[in-house]
């Protein structure tokens, strides 16, 4: 896998989540719900952005960098995981969902290729 794959995929997650956070703040449709079953959406997006940014800064290297990639993927999956295919708003958000899922697969694939 190309060495810049992790950087590109983390950047993708940062941009997508930043856009959705802005949509939530400004109530631009389609925006994420303010509350989800496990937490508030804004704090969840904030944590997800932080994890992806920290993984990007660390370049996903070392145990901490790889763990941050896994955390960033898990947090992103809250907003963009396969459960979104059953969301009534899927027809409006599918480009972000599929793009994020490709980024998550690329990140996890890079980790597997490096033998975590």
C-alpha atoms as a PDB file:
ATOM      1  CA  UNK A   1       0.000   0.000   0.000  1.00  0.00           C
ATOM      2  CA  UNK A   2       1.250   3.493  -0.799  1.00  0.00           C
ATOM      3  CA  UNK A   3       2.847   5.215   2.219  1.00  0.00           C
ATOM      4  CA  UNK A   4       0.521   8.210   1.924  1.00  0.00           C
ATOM      5  CA  UNK A   5      -2.612   6.067   2.153  1.00  0.00           C
ATOM      6  CA  UNK A   6      -2.975   6.607   5.897  1.00  0.00           C
ATOM      7  CA  UNK A   7      -2.528  10.355   5.514  1.00  0.00           C
ATOM      8  CA  UNK A   8      -5.095  10.574   2.731  1.00  0.00           C
ATOM      9  CA  UNK A   9      -7.624   8.376   4.544  1.00  0.00           C
ATOM     10  CA  UNK A  10      -7.258  10.251   7.838  1.00  0.00           C
ATOM     11  CA  UNK A  11      -7.612  13.541   5.971  1.00  0.00           C
ATOM     12  CA  UNK A  12     -10.774  12.198   4.349  1.00  0.00           C
ATOM     13  CA  UNK A  13     -12.287  11.363   7.734  1.00  0.00           C
ATOM     14  CA  UNK A  14     -11.305  14.777   9.116  1.00  0.00           C
ATOM     15  CA  UNK A  15     -12.945  16.633   6.243  1.00  0.00           C
ATOM     16  CA  UNK A  16     -16.134  14.536   6.236  1.00  0.00           C
ATOM     17  CA  UNK A  17     -16.594  14.815   9.991  1.00  0.00           C
ATOM     18  CA  UNK A  18     -15.794  18.525   9.934  1.00  0.00           C
ATOM     19  CA  UNK A  19     -18.453  19.092   7.280  1.00  0.00           C
ATOM     20  CA  UNK A  20     -21.020  17.099   9.257  1.00  0.00           C
ATOM     21  CA  UNK A  21     -20.109  18.972  12.450  1.00  0.00           C
ATOM     22  CA  UNK A  22     -20.668  22.280  10.619  1.00  0.00           C
ATOM     23  CA  UNK A  23     -23.994  20.981   9.265  1.00  0.00           C
ATOM     24  CA  UNK A  24     -25.011  20.081  12.819  1.00  0.00           C
ATOM     25  CA  UNK A  25     -24.019  23.487  14.195  1.00  0.00           C
ATOM     26  CA  UNK A  26     -25.769  25.444  11.468  1.00  0.00           C
ATOM     27  CA  UNK A  27     -28.708  23.011  11.129  1.00  0.00           C
ATOM     28  CA  UNK A  28     -28.076  22.540   7.411  1.00  0.00           C
ATOM     29  CA  UNK A  29     -29.925  19.532   6.032  1.00  0.00           C
ATOM     30  CA  UNK A  30     -29.068  16.784   6.090  1.00  0.00           C
ATOM     31  CA  UNK A  31     -27.429  17.232   9.463  1.00  0.00           C
ATOM     32  CA  UNK A  32     -26.748  14.558  12.051  1.00  0.00           C
ATOM     33  CA  UNK A  33     -29.122  14.246  14.991  1.00  0.00           C
ATOM     34  CA  UNK A  34     -28.067  16.165  18.086  1.00  0.00           C
ATOM     35  CA  UNK A  35     -28.372  13.072  20.252  1.00  0.00           C
ATOM     36  CA  UNK A  36     -27.574   9.462  19.391  1.00  0.00           C
ATOM     37  CA  UNK A  37     -28.188   6.411  21.590  1.00  0.00           C
ATOM     38  CA  UNK A  38     -24.655   6.367  23.016  1.00  0.00           C
ATOM     39  CA  UNK A  39     -23.949  10.116  23.469  1.00  0.00           C
ATOM     40  CA  UNK A  40     -24.437  13.600  22.113  1.00  0.00           C
ATOM     41  CA  UNK A  41     -23.409  13.897  18.474  1.00  0.00           C
ATOM     42  CA  UNK A  42     -21.269  17.025  18.880  1.00  0.00           C
ATOM     43  CA  UNK A  43     -19.025  15.475  21.574  1.00  0.00           C
ATOM     44  CA  UNK A  44     -18.822  12.259  19.546  1.00  0.00           C
ATOM     45  CA  UNK A  45     -17.772  14.142  16.419  1.00  0.00           C
ATOM     46  CA  UNK A  46     -15.308  16.173  18.496  1.00  0.00           C
ATOM     47  CA  UNK A  47     -13.699  13.026  19.888  1.00  0.00           C
ATOM     48  CA  UNK A  48     -13.631  11.476  16.432  1.00  0.00           C
ATOM     49  CA  UNK A  49     -11.953  14.551  14.930  1.00  0.00           C
ATOM     50  CA  UNK A  50      -9.384  14.565  17.742  1.00  0.00           C
ATOM     51  CA  UNK A  51      -8.530  10.888  17.285  1.00  0.00           C
ATOM     52  CA  UNK A  52      -8.137  11.259  13.517  1.00  0.00           C
ATOM     53  CA  UNK A  53      -6.017  14.395  13.904  1.00  0.00           C
ATOM     54  CA  UNK A  54      -3.783  12.789  16.538  1.00  0.00           C
ATOM     55  CA  UNK A  55      -3.326   9.714  14.327  1.00  0.00           C
ATOM     56  CA  UNK A  56      -2.476  12.010  11.414  1.00  0.00           C
ATOM     57  CA  UNK A  57       0.123  13.906  13.449  1.00  0.00           C
ATOM     58  CA  UNK A  58       1.665  10.619  14.596  1.00  0.00           C
ATOM     59  CA  UNK A  59       1.507   9.329  11.012  1.00  0.00           C
ATOM     60  CA  UNK A  60      -0.073   6.173  12.360  1.00  0.00           C
ATOM     61  CA  UNK A  61       3.349   4.988  13.463  1.00  0.00           C
ATOM     62  CA  UNK A  62       4.211   3.069  16.589  1.00  0.00           C
ATOM     63  CA  UNK A  63       1.744   1.438  18.918  1.00  0.00           C
ATOM     64  CA  UNK A  64       0.120   4.747  19.899  1.00  0.00           C
ATOM     65  CA  UNK A  65      -0.293   5.893  16.285  1.00  0.00           C
ATOM     66  CA  UNK A  66      -1.813   2.577  15.249  1.00  0.00           C
ATOM     67  CA  UNK A  67      -4.122   2.549  18.263  1.00  0.00           C
ATOM     68  CA  UNK A  68      -5.268   6.072  17.368  1.00  0.00           C
ATOM     69  CA  UNK A  69      -6.064   4.898  13.833  1.00  0.00           C
ATOM     70  CA  UNK A  70      -8.200   2.093  15.245  1.00  0.00           C
ATOM     71  CA  UNK A  71      -9.958   4.523  17.602  1.00  0.00           C
ATOM     72  CA  UNK A  72     -10.508   7.011  14.762  1.00  0.00           C
ATOM     73  CA  UNK A  73     -12.024   4.236  12.616  1.00  0.00           C
ATOM     74  CA  UNK A  74     -14.319   3.051  15.399  1.00  0.00           C
ATOM     75  CA  UNK A  75     -15.507   6.573  16.165  1.00  0.00           C
ATOM     76  CA  UNK A  76     -16.043   7.331  12.469  1.00  0.00           C
ATOM     77  CA  UNK A  77     -18.068   4.127  12.142  1.00  0.00           C
ATOM     78  CA  UNK A  78     -20.587   5.582  14.591  1.00  0.00           C
ATOM     79  CA  UNK A  79     -21.506   8.124  11.926  1.00  0.00           C
ATOM     80  CA  UNK A  80     -20.611   6.205   8.770  1.00  0.00           C
ATOM     81  CA  UNK A  81     -20.829   2.497   9.603  1.00  0.00           C
ATOM     82  CA  UNK A  82     -22.931  -0.126   7.830  1.00  0.00           C
ATOM     83  CA  UNK A  83     -25.945   0.756   9.999  1.00  0.00           C
ATOM     84  CA  UNK A  84     -26.319   3.860   7.821  1.00  0.00           C
ATOM     85  CA  UNK A  85     -27.617   1.708   4.952  1.00  0.00           C
ATOM     86  CA  UNK A  86     -30.817   1.305   6.987  1.00  0.00           C
ATOM     87  CA  UNK A  87     -31.078   4.985   7.960  1.00  0.00           C
ATOM     88  CA  UNK A  88     -34.076   6.784   6.402  1.00  0.00           C
ATOM     89  CA  UNK A  89     -31.728   9.616   5.379  1.00  0.00           C
ATOM     90  CA  UNK A  90     -29.326   7.289   3.520  1.00  0.00           C
ATOM     91  CA  UNK A  91     -30.449   8.612   0.135  1.00  0.00           C
ATOM     92  CA  UNK A  92     -29.200  12.048   1.230  1.00  0.00           C
ATOM     93  CA  UNK A  93     -25.945  11.046   2.942  1.00  0.00           C
ATOM     94  CA  UNK A  94     -24.720   8.095   0.883  1.00  0.00           C
ATOM     95  CA  UNK A  95     -21.747   9.932  -0.685  1.00  0.00           C
ATOM     96  CA  UNK A  96     -20.302  10.705   2.763  1.00  0.00           C
ATOM     97  CA  UNK A  97     -21.072   7.206   4.076  1.00  0.00           C
ATOM     98  CA  UNK A  98     -19.396   5.397   1.198  1.00  0.00           C
ATOM     99  CA  UNK A  99     -16.411   7.766   1.149  1.00  0.00           C
ATOM    100  CA  UNK A 100     -15.877   7.323   4.887  1.00  0.00           C
ATOM    101  CA  UNK A 101     -16.229   3.558   4.633  1.00  0.00           C
ATOM    102  CA  UNK A 102     -13.578   3.480   1.902  1.00  0.00           C
ATOM    103  CA  UNK A 103     -11.281   5.563   4.123  1.00  0.00           C
ATOM    104  CA  UNK A 104     -11.871   3.216   7.068  1.00  0.00           C
ATOM    105  CA  UNK A 105     -11.134   0.160   4.912  1.00  0.00           C
ATOM    106  CA  UNK A 106      -7.961   1.813   3.593  1.00  0.00           C
ATOM    107  CA  UNK A 107      -6.777   2.602   7.133  1.00  0.00           C
ATOM    108  CA  UNK A 108      -7.494  -0.844   8.507  1.00  0.00           C
ATOM    109  CA  UNK A 109      -5.983  -2.412   5.382  1.00  0.00           C
ATOM    110  CA  UNK A 110      -2.804  -0.397   5.892  1.00  0.00           C
ATOM    111  CA  UNK A 111      -2.598  -1.595   9.490  1.00  0.00           C
ATOM    112  CA  UNK A 112      -3.108  -5.227   8.495  1.00  0.00           C
ATOM    113  CA  UNK A 113      -0.483  -4.882   5.793  1.00  0.00           C
ATOM    114  CA  UNK A 114       1.925  -3.531   8.423  1.00  0.00           C
ATOM    115  CA  UNK A 115       0.913  -6.446  10.657  1.00  0.00           C
ATOM    116  CA  UNK A 116      -0.423  -4.050  13.286  1.00  0.00           C
END
